[in-house]
Amino acid sequence: MSWQKFGIRPDLVERVKFKLKNPSTKEKFKQLLDGATKYDLQDRVKVRKWVKSASRILNEPLTDIQEEQIVSFVIAQRIDPKNTFHLLKLWAMFR
């Protein structure tokens, strides 16, 4: 399922992708999600907390609606961070 179907703006995605090219920002982001499990990524409260933390790391203020769109997107993907296929699918989606 595409992130666009969740109402996430393309300009936001492009800004985030650009900011994640910075090695120090990318490292902070990786540390934030270190140890996340597929069950954590299905927990709306945990995902919302990570979205808020990520927006602070990236210096991207989000509205409540944008936060909810991102949380819904993450939960709908049913991501298993230990499954290489899931990670490749996500990578292809945001290339």
Protein backbone atom coordinates (compact mmCIF):
# COMPACT_ATOMS: atom_id res chain seq x y z
CA MET A 1 0.00 0.00 0.00
CA SER A 2 1.38 3.37 -0.98
CA TRP A 3 2.02 6.13 1.52
CA GLN A 4 0.11 8.47 -0.81
CA LYS A 5 -3.12 6.57 -0.15
CA PHE A 6 -2.81 7.59 3.50
CA GLY A 7 -2.73 11.30 2.61
CA ILE A 8 0.95 11.78 3.41
CA ARG A 9 2.21 14.76 1.41
CA PRO A 10 4.95 14.12 -1.19
CA ASP A 11 6.85 17.27 -0.17
CA LEU A 12 7.09 15.98 3.42
CA VAL A 13 8.42 12.63 2.19
CA GLU A 14 11.03 14.35 0.00
CA ARG A 15 12.21 16.59 2.87
CA VAL A 16 12.52 13.60 5.20
CA LYS A 17 14.41 11.55 2.60
CA PHE A 18 16.82 14.46 2.06
CA LYS A 19 17.38 14.94 5.79
CA LEU A 20 18.04 11.22 6.31
CA LYS A 21 20.96 11.45 3.88
CA ASN A 22 22.85 13.27 6.63
CA PRO A 23 24.87 10.52 8.42
CA SER A 24 24.44 11.94 11.94
CA THR A 25 20.67 12.36 11.51
CA LYS A 26 20.40 8.87 10.03
CA GLU A 27 22.33 7.44 13.00
CA LYS A 28 20.01 9.17 15.52
CA PHE A 29 17.02 7.80 13.62
CA LYS A 30 18.48 4.27 13.63
CA GLN A 31 19.12 4.51 17.38
CA LEU A 32 15.51 5.59 17.92
CA LEU A 33 14.19 2.43 16.27
CA ASP A 34 16.90 0.05 17.49
CA GLY A 35 15.30 -3.04 18.99
CA ALA A 36 11.84 -2.40 17.52
CA THR A 37 9.87 -5.58 16.92
CA LYS A 38 6.95 -6.33 14.63
CA TYR A 39 4.70 -6.24 17.69
CA ASP A 40 5.99 -2.79 18.67
CA LEU A 41 5.24 -1.59 15.14
CA GLN A 42 1.61 -2.68 15.57
CA ASP A 43 1.18 -0.79 18.85
CA ARG A 44 -0.43 2.57 18.06
CA VAL A 45 0.90 4.23 21.24
CA LYS A 46 4.51 3.19 20.60
CA VAL A 47 4.36 4.14 16.93
CA ARG A 48 2.92 7.56 17.80
CA LYS A 49 5.74 8.12 20.31
CA TRP A 50 8.33 7.17 17.68
CA VAL A 51 6.72 9.46 15.09
CA LYS A 52 6.89 12.38 17.52
CA SER A 53 10.51 11.61 18.40
CA ALA A 54 11.43 11.25 14.73
CA SER A 55 9.83 14.58 13.88
CA ARG A 56 11.97 16.23 16.57
CA ILE A 57 15.13 14.52 15.29
CA LEU A 58 14.35 15.63 11.74
CA ASN A 59 13.12 19.06 12.83
CA GLU A 60 9.86 18.48 10.95
CA PRO A 61 6.88 19.77 12.92
CA LEU A 62 3.81 17.64 12.24
CA THR A 63 0.16 18.44 12.71
CA ASP A 64 -2.04 15.97 14.60
CA ILE A 65 -3.56 14.90 11.28
CA GLN A 66 -0.14 14.25 9.71
CA GLU A 67 0.90 12.27 12.78
CA GLU A 68 -2.21 10.13 12.56
CA GLN A 69 -1.67 9.54 8.83
CA ILE A 70 1.89 8.36 9.43
CA VAL A 71 0.88 6.15 12.37
CA SER A 72 -1.91 4.57 10.30
CA PHE A 73 0.52 3.99 7.43
CA VAL A 74 3.11 2.27 9.63
CA ILE A 75 0.52 0.02 11.26
CA ALA A 76 -1.07 -0.90 7.91
CA GLN A 77 2.30 -2.05 6.53
CA ARG A 78 2.62 -4.80 9.16
CA ILE A 79 6.40 -4.36 9.12
CA ASP A 80 8.64 -7.04 10.54
CA PRO A 81 12.09 -5.44 10.96
CA LYS A 82 13.69 -8.91 10.98
CA ASN A 83 12.20 -9.80 7.58
CA THR A 84 14.46 -8.70 4.73
CA PHE A 85 11.58 -8.81 2.23
CA HIS A 86 9.59 -6.29 4.31
CA LEU A 87 12.59 -3.95 4.49
CA LEU A 88 13.22 -4.20 0.74
CA LYS A 89 9.56 -3.48 0.05
CA LEU A 90 9.72 -0.35 2.20
CA TRP A 91 12.97 0.75 0.63
CA ALA A 92 11.44 0.42 -2.87
CA MET A 93 8.40 2.40 -1.79
CA PHE A 94 10.51 5.42 -0.78
CA ARG A 95 13.25 5.25 -3.43
